[in-house]
N, C-alpha and C. Protein backbone atom coordinates (compact mmCIF):
# COMPACT_ATOMS: atom_id res chain seq x y z
N MET A 1 69.78 -46.81 -59.89
CA MET A 1 70.76 -46.29 -60.82
C MET A 1 70.51 -44.80 -61.02
N THR A 2 71.59 -44.03 -61.06
CA THR A 2 71.48 -42.60 -61.29
C THR A 2 72.54 -42.17 -62.31
N ASP A 3 72.47 -40.90 -62.67
CA ASP A 3 73.50 -40.35 -63.55
C ASP A 3 74.84 -40.20 -62.83
N LYS A 4 74.83 -40.34 -61.53
CA LYS A 4 76.06 -40.18 -60.73
C LYS A 4 76.76 -41.50 -60.41
N ASN A 5 76.06 -42.63 -60.60
CA ASN A 5 76.68 -43.91 -60.21
C ASN A 5 76.78 -44.92 -61.35
N SER A 6 76.51 -44.48 -62.58
CA SER A 6 76.53 -45.43 -63.69
C SER A 6 77.44 -44.95 -64.82
N VAL A 7 77.79 -45.88 -65.67
CA VAL A 7 78.61 -45.63 -66.86
C VAL A 7 77.90 -46.32 -68.03
N LEU A 8 77.94 -45.68 -69.20
CA LEU A 8 77.34 -46.24 -70.41
C LEU A 8 78.45 -46.83 -71.28
N VAL A 9 78.28 -48.11 -71.65
CA VAL A 9 79.25 -48.79 -72.51
C VAL A 9 78.54 -49.19 -73.80
N LEU A 10 79.05 -48.69 -74.91
CA LEU A 10 78.46 -48.98 -76.22
C LEU A 10 79.47 -49.77 -77.05
N VAL A 11 79.03 -50.93 -77.56
CA VAL A 11 79.92 -51.88 -78.19
C VAL A 11 79.53 -52.13 -79.65
N ASP A 12 80.46 -51.88 -80.55
CA ASP A 12 80.37 -52.27 -81.96
C ASP A 12 79.25 -51.60 -82.75
N TYR A 13 79.02 -50.34 -82.50
CA TYR A 13 78.03 -49.60 -83.31
C TYR A 13 78.73 -49.09 -84.56
N GLN A 14 78.84 -50.00 -85.54
CA GLN A 14 79.58 -49.78 -86.76
C GLN A 14 78.72 -50.10 -87.97
N PRO A 15 79.01 -49.46 -89.11
CA PRO A 15 78.17 -49.64 -90.31
C PRO A 15 78.00 -51.10 -90.75
N THR A 16 79.08 -51.86 -90.81
CA THR A 16 78.95 -53.25 -91.27
C THR A 16 78.17 -54.09 -90.27
N MET A 17 78.33 -53.80 -89.00
CA MET A 17 77.62 -54.58 -87.97
C MET A 17 76.11 -54.36 -88.08
N ILE A 18 75.68 -53.13 -88.31
CA ILE A 18 74.24 -52.87 -88.35
C ILE A 18 73.61 -53.35 -89.66
N LYS A 19 74.39 -53.45 -90.71
CA LYS A 19 73.84 -53.93 -91.99
C LYS A 19 73.26 -55.33 -91.86
N SER A 20 73.85 -56.14 -90.98
CA SER A 20 73.42 -57.54 -90.84
C SER A 20 72.27 -57.73 -89.87
N ILE A 21 71.76 -56.65 -89.29
CA ILE A 21 70.68 -56.76 -88.31
C ILE A 21 69.36 -57.09 -89.02
N ALA A 22 68.70 -58.13 -88.54
CA ALA A 22 67.39 -58.52 -89.09
C ALA A 22 66.38 -58.79 -87.99
N SER A 23 66.76 -58.56 -86.73
CA SER A 23 65.87 -58.87 -85.61
C SER A 23 64.89 -57.74 -85.32
N ARG A 24 65.28 -56.53 -85.65
CA ARG A 24 64.45 -55.34 -85.38
C ARG A 24 64.76 -54.30 -86.43
N ASP A 25 63.99 -53.24 -86.45
CA ASP A 25 64.21 -52.15 -87.39
C ASP A 25 65.53 -51.44 -87.08
N LYS A 26 66.41 -51.35 -88.07
CA LYS A 26 67.74 -50.75 -87.89
C LYS A 26 67.66 -49.28 -87.49
N THR A 27 66.69 -48.57 -88.05
CA THR A 27 66.54 -47.14 -87.74
C THR A 27 66.21 -46.94 -86.27
N MET A 28 65.36 -47.79 -85.74
CA MET A 28 64.99 -47.68 -84.32
C MET A 28 66.19 -47.99 -83.42
N ILE A 29 66.96 -48.99 -83.78
CA ILE A 29 68.14 -49.35 -83.00
C ILE A 29 69.13 -48.20 -83.00
N LYS A 30 69.43 -47.70 -84.18
CA LYS A 30 70.40 -46.61 -84.30
C LYS A 30 69.91 -45.36 -83.57
N SER A 31 68.64 -45.06 -83.69
CA SER A 31 68.07 -43.90 -82.99
C SER A 31 68.19 -44.05 -81.48
N ALA A 32 67.90 -45.24 -80.98
CA ALA A 32 67.97 -45.48 -79.54
C ALA A 32 69.40 -45.31 -79.01
N VAL A 33 70.39 -45.83 -79.73
CA VAL A 33 71.76 -45.72 -79.23
C VAL A 33 72.26 -44.28 -79.32
N ILE A 34 71.91 -43.58 -80.37
CA ILE A 34 72.33 -42.17 -80.49
C ILE A 34 71.69 -41.34 -79.38
N CYS A 35 70.42 -41.57 -79.12
CA CYS A 35 69.74 -40.82 -78.05
C CYS A 35 70.29 -41.17 -76.67
N ALA A 36 70.66 -42.42 -76.45
CA ALA A 36 71.28 -42.79 -75.17
C ALA A 36 72.60 -42.06 -75.00
N ALA A 37 73.38 -41.99 -76.08
CA ALA A 37 74.66 -41.28 -76.03
C ALA A 37 74.44 -39.79 -75.76
N LYS A 38 73.42 -39.21 -76.41
CA LYS A 38 73.12 -37.79 -76.18
C LYS A 38 72.72 -37.54 -74.73
N ALA A 39 71.88 -38.41 -74.20
CA ALA A 39 71.45 -38.25 -72.81
C ALA A 39 72.65 -38.34 -71.87
N ALA A 40 73.53 -39.29 -72.13
CA ALA A 40 74.73 -39.43 -71.29
C ALA A 40 75.58 -38.16 -71.35
N ARG A 41 75.75 -37.61 -72.54
CA ARG A 41 76.54 -36.39 -72.67
C ARG A 41 75.88 -35.23 -71.92
N ILE A 42 74.59 -35.07 -72.08
CA ILE A 42 73.87 -33.98 -71.42
C ILE A 42 73.99 -34.10 -69.90
N LEU A 43 73.85 -35.31 -69.39
CA LEU A 43 73.86 -35.53 -67.93
C LEU A 43 75.25 -35.85 -67.38
N LYS A 44 76.25 -35.82 -68.25
CA LYS A 44 77.64 -36.05 -67.85
C LYS A 44 77.88 -37.45 -67.28
N VAL A 45 77.17 -38.43 -67.84
CA VAL A 45 77.40 -39.84 -67.51
C VAL A 45 78.61 -40.29 -68.34
N PRO A 46 79.62 -40.89 -67.72
CA PRO A 46 80.77 -41.36 -68.51
C PRO A 46 80.33 -42.38 -69.56
N VAL A 47 80.96 -42.31 -70.72
CA VAL A 47 80.66 -43.21 -71.83
C VAL A 47 81.95 -43.87 -72.29
N VAL A 48 81.89 -45.19 -72.48
CA VAL A 48 83.02 -45.94 -73.02
C VAL A 48 82.56 -46.52 -74.36
N LEU A 49 83.32 -46.22 -75.41
CA LEU A 49 83.00 -46.68 -76.76
C LEU A 49 84.04 -47.69 -77.20
N SER A 50 83.57 -48.87 -77.61
CA SER A 50 84.47 -49.95 -78.01
C SER A 50 84.00 -50.52 -79.35
N PHE A 51 84.96 -50.82 -80.23
CA PHE A 51 84.58 -51.42 -81.50
C PHE A 51 85.64 -52.39 -81.97
N ILE A 52 85.25 -53.21 -82.94
CA ILE A 52 86.12 -54.31 -83.37
C ILE A 52 86.35 -54.27 -84.87
N ASN A 53 87.56 -54.62 -85.26
CA ASN A 53 87.93 -54.79 -86.66
C ASN A 53 87.49 -53.62 -87.55
N PRO A 54 88.01 -52.42 -87.28
CA PRO A 54 87.57 -51.24 -88.03
C PRO A 54 87.87 -51.33 -89.53
N GLN A 55 88.89 -52.09 -89.91
CA GLN A 55 89.22 -52.22 -91.32
C GLN A 55 88.07 -52.86 -92.10
N TYR A 56 87.35 -53.75 -91.47
CA TYR A 56 86.24 -54.45 -92.12
C TYR A 56 84.89 -53.85 -91.74
N ASN A 57 84.70 -53.54 -90.46
CA ASN A 57 83.40 -53.10 -89.96
C ASN A 57 83.19 -51.59 -89.98
N GLY A 58 84.25 -50.80 -90.20
CA GLY A 58 84.13 -49.36 -90.18
C GLY A 58 84.28 -48.81 -88.77
N ASP A 59 84.23 -47.50 -88.68
CA ASP A 59 84.35 -46.81 -87.40
C ASP A 59 83.00 -46.74 -86.70
N VAL A 60 83.03 -46.40 -85.43
CA VAL A 60 81.79 -46.18 -84.67
C VAL A 60 81.01 -45.06 -85.36
N PHE A 61 79.68 -45.17 -85.35
CA PHE A 61 78.83 -44.17 -86.01
C PHE A 61 79.29 -42.75 -85.65
N PRO A 62 79.48 -41.89 -86.63
CA PRO A 62 79.92 -40.52 -86.34
C PRO A 62 78.90 -39.74 -85.51
N GLU A 63 77.64 -40.11 -85.59
CA GLU A 63 76.62 -39.44 -84.76
C GLU A 63 76.88 -39.65 -83.28
N ILE A 64 77.63 -40.69 -82.95
CA ILE A 64 78.00 -40.96 -81.55
C ILE A 64 79.36 -40.33 -81.25
N THR A 65 80.35 -40.60 -82.10
CA THR A 65 81.70 -40.13 -81.79
C THR A 65 81.80 -38.60 -81.76
N THR A 66 81.01 -37.91 -82.56
CA THR A 66 81.08 -36.44 -82.53
C THR A 66 80.58 -35.88 -81.21
N LEU A 67 79.81 -36.65 -80.48
CA LEU A 67 79.35 -36.21 -79.15
C LEU A 67 80.48 -36.25 -78.12
N PHE A 68 81.50 -37.06 -78.41
CA PHE A 68 82.60 -37.29 -77.46
C PHE A 68 83.94 -37.11 -78.16
N GLN A 69 84.13 -35.97 -78.79
CA GLN A 69 85.31 -35.73 -79.63
C GLN A 69 86.63 -35.76 -78.87
N ASP A 70 86.61 -35.45 -77.60
CA ASP A 70 87.85 -35.41 -76.81
C ASP A 70 88.12 -36.73 -76.10
N GLN A 71 87.49 -37.77 -76.55
CA GLN A 71 87.57 -39.05 -75.84
C GLN A 71 88.05 -40.14 -76.79
N GLU A 72 88.87 -41.04 -76.27
CA GLU A 72 89.34 -42.16 -77.08
C GLU A 72 88.21 -43.15 -77.32
N VAL A 73 88.14 -43.62 -78.55
CA VAL A 73 87.23 -44.70 -78.93
C VAL A 73 88.13 -45.93 -79.08
N PHE A 74 87.82 -46.99 -78.35
CA PHE A 74 88.74 -48.12 -78.26
C PHE A 74 88.49 -49.16 -79.36
N ALA A 75 89.42 -49.20 -80.31
CA ALA A 75 89.44 -50.29 -81.29
C ALA A 75 90.11 -51.46 -80.57
N ARG A 76 89.33 -52.47 -80.28
CA ARG A 76 89.84 -53.56 -79.46
C ARG A 76 91.06 -54.23 -80.09
N GLU A 77 92.10 -54.35 -79.29
CA GLU A 77 93.32 -55.02 -79.73
C GLU A 77 93.15 -56.53 -79.67
N VAL A 78 92.29 -56.98 -78.79
CA VAL A 78 91.97 -58.40 -78.67
C VAL A 78 90.71 -58.63 -79.51
N PRO A 79 90.73 -59.54 -80.47
CA PRO A 79 89.56 -59.73 -81.34
C PRO A 79 88.46 -60.55 -80.67
N SER A 80 88.15 -60.22 -79.45
CA SER A 80 87.18 -60.97 -78.65
C SER A 80 85.78 -60.41 -78.84
N PHE A 81 84.79 -61.28 -78.67
CA PHE A 81 83.40 -60.83 -78.66
C PHE A 81 83.07 -60.13 -77.35
N ASP A 82 83.89 -60.31 -76.35
CA ASP A 82 83.73 -59.67 -75.04
C ASP A 82 84.59 -58.41 -75.03
N ALA A 83 83.95 -57.25 -75.10
CA ALA A 83 84.70 -55.98 -75.16
C ALA A 83 85.56 -55.76 -73.92
N PHE A 84 85.16 -56.35 -72.79
CA PHE A 84 85.92 -56.15 -71.57
C PHE A 84 87.19 -56.99 -71.51
N GLU A 85 87.40 -57.88 -72.46
CA GLU A 85 88.67 -58.59 -72.55
C GLU A 85 89.75 -57.67 -73.12
N ASP A 86 89.34 -56.56 -73.70
CA ASP A 86 90.29 -55.56 -74.17
C ASP A 86 90.69 -54.69 -72.99
N GLU A 87 91.97 -54.65 -72.69
CA GLU A 87 92.47 -53.97 -71.49
C GLU A 87 92.10 -52.49 -71.46
N LYS A 88 92.23 -51.79 -72.57
CA LYS A 88 91.91 -50.36 -72.58
C LYS A 88 90.43 -50.12 -72.32
N THR A 89 89.58 -50.92 -72.93
CA THR A 89 88.13 -50.77 -72.72
C THR A 89 87.79 -51.03 -71.25
N TRP A 90 88.30 -52.14 -70.72
CA TRP A 90 87.99 -52.50 -69.33
C TRP A 90 88.55 -51.47 -68.35
N ASN A 91 89.76 -51.01 -68.59
CA ASN A 91 90.35 -50.01 -67.70
C ASN A 91 89.58 -48.70 -67.74
N ALA A 92 89.04 -48.35 -68.89
CA ALA A 92 88.23 -47.12 -68.99
C ALA A 92 86.98 -47.22 -68.12
N VAL A 93 86.37 -48.40 -68.09
CA VAL A 93 85.19 -48.60 -67.23
C VAL A 93 85.60 -48.53 -65.76
N LYS A 94 86.65 -49.25 -65.39
CA LYS A 94 87.09 -49.25 -63.99
C LYS A 94 87.50 -47.85 -63.52
N LYS A 95 88.11 -47.09 -64.41
CA LYS A 95 88.59 -45.75 -64.06
C LYS A 95 87.44 -44.82 -63.65
N THR A 96 86.23 -45.08 -64.12
CA THR A 96 85.09 -44.22 -63.75
C THR A 96 84.75 -44.36 -62.27
N GLY A 97 85.10 -45.51 -61.66
CA GLY A 97 84.78 -45.76 -60.26
C GLY A 97 83.31 -46.05 -60.02
N ARG A 98 82.56 -46.23 -61.08
CA ARG A 98 81.12 -46.47 -60.95
C ARG A 98 80.84 -47.97 -61.01
N LYS A 99 79.89 -48.43 -60.20
CA LYS A 99 79.62 -49.87 -60.08
C LYS A 99 78.37 -50.32 -60.84
N LYS A 100 77.75 -49.42 -61.56
CA LYS A 100 76.57 -49.78 -62.36
C LYS A 100 76.91 -49.52 -63.82
N ILE A 101 76.87 -50.58 -64.63
CA ILE A 101 77.21 -50.49 -66.04
C ILE A 101 75.94 -50.64 -66.86
N VAL A 102 75.69 -49.67 -67.72
CA VAL A 102 74.64 -49.80 -68.73
C VAL A 102 75.36 -50.15 -70.01
N VAL A 103 75.03 -51.30 -70.58
CA VAL A 103 75.73 -51.76 -71.78
C VAL A 103 74.74 -52.09 -72.88
N SER A 104 75.16 -51.86 -74.10
CA SER A 104 74.40 -52.29 -75.26
C SER A 104 75.38 -52.49 -76.41
N GLY A 105 74.95 -53.23 -77.42
CA GLY A 105 75.84 -53.45 -78.53
C GLY A 105 75.22 -54.26 -79.64
N LEU A 106 75.98 -54.34 -80.71
CA LEU A 106 75.63 -55.16 -81.86
C LEU A 106 76.67 -56.29 -81.90
N TRP A 107 76.35 -57.41 -81.97
CA TRP A 107 75.09 -58.10 -81.97
C TRP A 107 74.72 -58.54 -80.56
N THR A 108 73.42 -58.68 -80.32
CA THR A 108 72.94 -59.01 -78.98
C THR A 108 73.52 -60.31 -78.46
N SER A 109 73.48 -61.36 -79.28
CA SER A 109 73.87 -62.70 -78.82
C SER A 109 75.37 -62.87 -78.65
N MET A 110 76.14 -61.91 -79.12
CA MET A 110 77.59 -62.05 -79.05
C MET A 110 78.20 -60.94 -78.19
N CYS A 111 78.63 -59.87 -78.81
CA CYS A 111 79.39 -58.84 -78.10
C CYS A 111 78.61 -58.20 -76.96
N PHE A 112 77.34 -57.94 -77.16
CA PHE A 112 76.52 -57.36 -76.09
C PHE A 112 76.44 -58.34 -74.92
N THR A 113 76.04 -59.56 -75.19
CA THR A 113 75.87 -60.56 -74.13
C THR A 113 77.18 -60.86 -73.41
N TYR A 114 78.24 -61.14 -74.15
CA TYR A 114 79.50 -61.52 -73.52
C TYR A 114 80.09 -60.40 -72.68
N THR A 115 79.93 -59.16 -73.16
CA THR A 115 80.41 -58.00 -72.40
C THR A 115 79.60 -57.84 -71.11
N ALA A 116 78.29 -57.96 -71.21
CA ALA A 116 77.43 -57.84 -70.03
C ALA A 116 77.74 -58.93 -69.00
N LEU A 117 77.91 -60.16 -69.47
CA LEU A 117 78.21 -61.26 -68.56
C LEU A 117 79.56 -61.05 -67.86
N HIS A 118 80.52 -60.51 -68.57
CA HIS A 118 81.82 -60.22 -67.98
C HIS A 118 81.67 -59.18 -66.86
N GLY A 119 80.87 -58.14 -67.11
CA GLY A 119 80.63 -57.13 -66.07
C GLY A 119 80.03 -57.75 -64.82
N LEU A 120 79.07 -58.65 -64.99
CA LEU A 120 78.47 -59.34 -63.84
C LEU A 120 79.53 -60.14 -63.08
N LYS A 121 80.34 -60.87 -63.84
CA LYS A 121 81.39 -61.72 -63.23
C LYS A 121 82.35 -60.90 -62.39
N GLU A 122 82.57 -59.66 -62.78
CA GLU A 122 83.49 -58.77 -62.05
C GLU A 122 82.82 -58.07 -60.86
N GLY A 123 81.53 -58.37 -60.63
CA GLY A 123 80.84 -57.82 -59.47
C GLY A 123 80.09 -56.52 -59.72
N TYR A 124 79.94 -56.14 -60.96
CA TYR A 124 79.19 -54.93 -61.30
C TYR A 124 77.70 -55.24 -61.41
N GLU A 125 76.89 -54.23 -61.19
CA GLU A 125 75.46 -54.32 -61.49
C GLU A 125 75.32 -53.90 -62.94
N VAL A 126 74.78 -54.78 -63.77
CA VAL A 126 74.75 -54.54 -65.21
C VAL A 126 73.31 -54.39 -65.70
N TYR A 127 73.10 -53.33 -66.47
CA TYR A 127 71.82 -53.05 -67.10
C TYR A 127 72.00 -53.22 -68.60
N GLY A 128 71.10 -53.92 -69.24
CA GLY A 128 71.17 -54.12 -70.68
C GLY A 128 70.20 -53.21 -71.40
N LEU A 129 70.73 -52.31 -72.23
CA LEU A 129 69.89 -51.38 -72.99
C LEU A 129 69.37 -52.14 -74.21
N ILE A 130 68.23 -52.76 -74.05
CA ILE A 130 67.71 -53.74 -74.99
C ILE A 130 67.25 -53.13 -76.31
N ASP A 131 66.58 -51.98 -76.28
CA ASP A 131 66.04 -51.44 -77.54
C ASP A 131 67.09 -50.75 -78.40
N ALA A 132 68.33 -50.70 -77.94
CA ALA A 132 69.43 -50.16 -78.75
C ALA A 132 70.27 -51.30 -79.33
N ALA A 133 69.76 -52.51 -79.26
CA ALA A 133 70.52 -53.69 -79.71
C ALA A 133 69.74 -54.47 -80.76
N GLY A 134 70.46 -55.27 -81.49
CA GLY A 134 69.83 -56.13 -82.48
C GLY A 134 70.79 -57.24 -82.87
N ASP A 135 70.28 -58.17 -83.68
CA ASP A 135 71.09 -59.32 -84.07
C ASP A 135 70.70 -59.76 -85.48
N SER A 136 71.36 -60.80 -85.96
CA SER A 136 71.15 -61.27 -87.32
C SER A 136 69.78 -61.90 -87.53
N THR A 137 69.19 -62.43 -86.47
CA THR A 137 67.84 -63.02 -86.57
C THR A 137 67.05 -62.64 -85.31
N PRO A 138 65.72 -62.69 -85.40
CA PRO A 138 64.92 -62.43 -84.20
C PRO A 138 65.26 -63.40 -83.06
N ASP A 139 65.48 -64.68 -83.37
CA ASP A 139 65.81 -65.64 -82.31
C ASP A 139 67.17 -65.34 -81.67
N ALA A 140 68.14 -64.93 -82.46
CA ALA A 140 69.45 -64.61 -81.90
C ALA A 140 69.33 -63.46 -80.90
N HIS A 141 68.54 -62.45 -81.24
CA HIS A 141 68.32 -61.33 -80.31
C HIS A 141 67.56 -61.81 -79.07
N LYS A 142 66.46 -62.51 -79.31
CA LYS A 142 65.61 -62.97 -78.21
C LYS A 142 66.37 -63.84 -77.21
N TYR A 143 67.13 -64.80 -77.71
CA TYR A 143 67.81 -65.71 -76.78
C TYR A 143 69.08 -65.10 -76.20
N GLY A 144 69.66 -64.13 -76.88
CA GLY A 144 70.75 -63.36 -76.27
C GLY A 144 70.24 -62.59 -75.07
N VAL A 145 69.07 -61.96 -75.24
CA VAL A 145 68.46 -61.22 -74.13
C VAL A 145 68.10 -62.18 -73.01
N LYS A 146 67.48 -63.30 -73.33
CA LYS A 146 67.11 -64.27 -72.30
C LYS A 146 68.32 -64.75 -71.51
N ARG A 147 69.40 -65.00 -72.22
CA ARG A 147 70.62 -65.46 -71.54
C ARG A 147 71.11 -64.42 -70.55
N MET A 148 71.11 -63.15 -70.96
CA MET A 148 71.54 -62.09 -70.05
C MET A 148 70.62 -61.98 -68.84
N LEU A 149 69.31 -62.05 -69.07
CA LEU A 149 68.35 -61.93 -67.97
C LEU A 149 68.52 -63.07 -66.98
N GLN A 150 68.71 -64.28 -67.49
CA GLN A 150 68.90 -65.42 -66.60
C GLN A 150 70.15 -65.27 -65.75
N ALA A 151 71.16 -64.59 -66.27
CA ALA A 151 72.41 -64.40 -65.53
C ALA A 151 72.34 -63.25 -64.54
N GLY A 152 71.33 -62.38 -64.69
CA GLY A 152 71.18 -61.28 -63.74
C GLY A 152 71.30 -59.88 -64.31
N VAL A 153 71.42 -59.75 -65.62
CA VAL A 153 71.43 -58.42 -66.25
C VAL A 153 70.02 -57.84 -66.13
N VAL A 154 69.94 -56.57 -65.75
CA VAL A 154 68.66 -55.89 -65.60
C VAL A 154 68.29 -55.25 -66.94
N PRO A 155 67.13 -55.62 -67.52
CA PRO A 155 66.76 -55.02 -68.81
C PRO A 155 66.26 -53.59 -68.62
N ILE A 156 66.59 -52.74 -69.60
CA ILE A 156 66.14 -51.36 -69.56
C ILE A 156 65.97 -50.87 -71.00
N THR A 157 65.06 -49.93 -71.19
CA THR A 157 64.86 -49.32 -72.50
C THR A 157 65.38 -47.90 -72.46
N LEU A 158 65.50 -47.29 -73.62
CA LEU A 158 66.00 -45.93 -73.71
C LEU A 158 65.18 -44.99 -72.82
N GLU A 159 63.87 -45.02 -72.96
CA GLU A 159 63.03 -44.10 -72.18
C GLU A 159 63.16 -44.34 -70.68
N SER A 160 63.23 -45.59 -70.27
CA SER A 160 63.43 -45.88 -68.85
C SER A 160 64.78 -45.40 -68.37
N LEU A 161 65.81 -45.62 -69.18
CA LEU A 161 67.16 -45.22 -68.82
C LEU A 161 67.25 -43.71 -68.63
N VAL A 162 66.79 -42.96 -69.61
CA VAL A 162 66.87 -41.50 -69.53
C VAL A 162 66.04 -40.98 -68.37
N SER A 163 64.88 -41.54 -68.17
CA SER A 163 64.03 -41.12 -67.04
C SER A 163 64.70 -41.41 -65.71
N GLU A 164 65.34 -42.56 -65.61
CA GLU A 164 66.01 -42.91 -64.36
C GLU A 164 67.20 -41.99 -64.12
N TRP A 165 67.99 -41.73 -65.15
CA TRP A 165 69.10 -40.79 -65.01
C TRP A 165 68.61 -39.40 -64.65
N MET A 166 67.53 -38.96 -65.30
CA MET A 166 67.00 -37.60 -65.10
C MET A 166 66.33 -37.47 -63.74
N HIS A 167 65.69 -38.50 -63.28
CA HIS A 167 64.98 -38.63 -62.01
C HIS A 167 63.59 -37.99 -62.03
N ASP A 168 63.49 -36.72 -62.40
CA ASP A 168 62.18 -36.08 -62.47
C ASP A 168 62.27 -34.84 -63.36
N TRP A 169 61.12 -34.21 -63.60
CA TRP A 169 61.07 -33.05 -64.49
C TRP A 169 61.67 -31.80 -63.86
N ASP A 170 62.01 -31.85 -62.58
CA ASP A 170 62.68 -30.72 -61.94
C ASP A 170 64.18 -30.71 -62.21
N ASN A 171 64.69 -31.73 -62.86
CA ASN A 171 66.10 -31.78 -63.22
C ASN A 171 66.41 -30.56 -64.10
N PRO A 172 67.47 -29.82 -63.79
CA PRO A 172 67.80 -28.63 -64.58
C PRO A 172 68.09 -28.93 -66.06
N LYS A 173 68.35 -30.17 -66.38
CA LYS A 173 68.63 -30.57 -67.77
C LYS A 173 67.39 -31.12 -68.48
N SER A 174 66.23 -31.09 -67.82
CA SER A 174 65.04 -31.72 -68.40
C SER A 174 64.62 -31.11 -69.73
N ALA A 175 64.70 -29.80 -69.88
CA ALA A 175 64.31 -29.17 -71.16
C ALA A 175 65.23 -29.62 -72.28
N GLU A 176 66.53 -29.67 -72.00
CA GLU A 176 67.49 -30.11 -73.02
C GLU A 176 67.28 -31.59 -73.36
N LEU A 177 67.00 -32.41 -72.35
CA LEU A 177 66.73 -33.83 -72.60
C LEU A 177 65.45 -34.00 -73.42
N LEU A 178 64.44 -33.22 -73.11
CA LEU A 178 63.18 -33.30 -73.85
C LEU A 178 63.42 -32.97 -75.32
N GLU A 179 64.19 -31.92 -75.57
CA GLU A 179 64.47 -31.48 -76.94
C GLU A 179 65.41 -32.44 -77.67
N GLU A 180 66.52 -32.81 -77.04
CA GLU A 180 67.57 -33.58 -77.72
C GLU A 180 67.38 -35.09 -77.68
N VAL A 181 66.58 -35.59 -76.75
CA VAL A 181 66.44 -37.04 -76.63
C VAL A 181 65.01 -37.48 -76.87
N TYR A 182 64.11 -37.11 -75.99
CA TYR A 182 62.74 -37.60 -76.10
C TYR A 182 62.08 -37.21 -77.42
N SER A 183 62.11 -35.94 -77.78
CA SER A 183 61.43 -35.52 -79.00
C SER A 183 62.15 -36.02 -80.25
N LYS A 184 63.48 -36.02 -80.25
CA LYS A 184 64.23 -36.48 -81.42
C LYS A 184 64.06 -37.99 -81.60
N TYR A 185 64.05 -38.73 -80.50
CA TYR A 185 63.85 -40.18 -80.61
C TYR A 185 62.46 -40.46 -81.16
N GLY A 186 61.46 -39.77 -80.64
CA GLY A 186 60.10 -39.95 -81.14
C GLY A 186 60.00 -39.63 -82.62
N ALA A 187 60.64 -38.54 -83.04
CA ALA A 187 60.62 -38.17 -84.45
C ALA A 187 61.35 -39.20 -85.31
N MET A 188 62.49 -39.69 -84.81
CA MET A 188 63.28 -40.64 -85.58
C MET A 188 62.57 -41.97 -85.79
N ILE A 189 61.74 -42.35 -84.84
CA ILE A 189 61.05 -43.64 -84.99
C ILE A 189 59.62 -43.45 -85.49
N GLY A 190 59.27 -42.21 -85.88
CA GLY A 190 57.99 -41.96 -86.51
C GLY A 190 56.84 -41.70 -85.57
N LEU A 191 57.11 -41.28 -84.33
CA LEU A 191 56.04 -41.02 -83.40
C LEU A 191 55.55 -39.57 -83.46
N GLN A 192 56.27 -38.72 -84.17
CA GLN A 192 55.86 -37.31 -84.23
C GLN A 192 55.79 -36.84 -85.66
């Protein structure tokens, strides 16, 4: 996977959705997804943002949408747990022409899993950004992840994803990634 052959799909990163997370620390989840979005923007990886029921769940986190101000954020017209059942969301992914999908979302056992499984069914290579996801209980997260792995989703973490996209420290964007992603993520989760 590289920054040239993959697309990042973020599903349901909304205030009401994250309030119900009890499987992992909410701050770490939110930090991981924001940093993944920043890395994608820096490296020009296409990003597709999808969310559900904005009247109840709110809009996608502004820390993410402000990174992509000139881009449509898809409020799913189909109230499905599978974001790819929404025609606009799915067409945005297909339009990139990339065959490797990095996906993450809230909640792991529902929208994240069903969207990832749909990508596999369509013949895409799907990577699950695990540390940017969470669920209502530890078991819901754990078994959502297990279900995806059994189906063929490749697990990846934020640091692995950014490193794989960046490839090495000779990347001309490495200083910006170090400042905007690695150091900020470390600070956000209390490592610095």
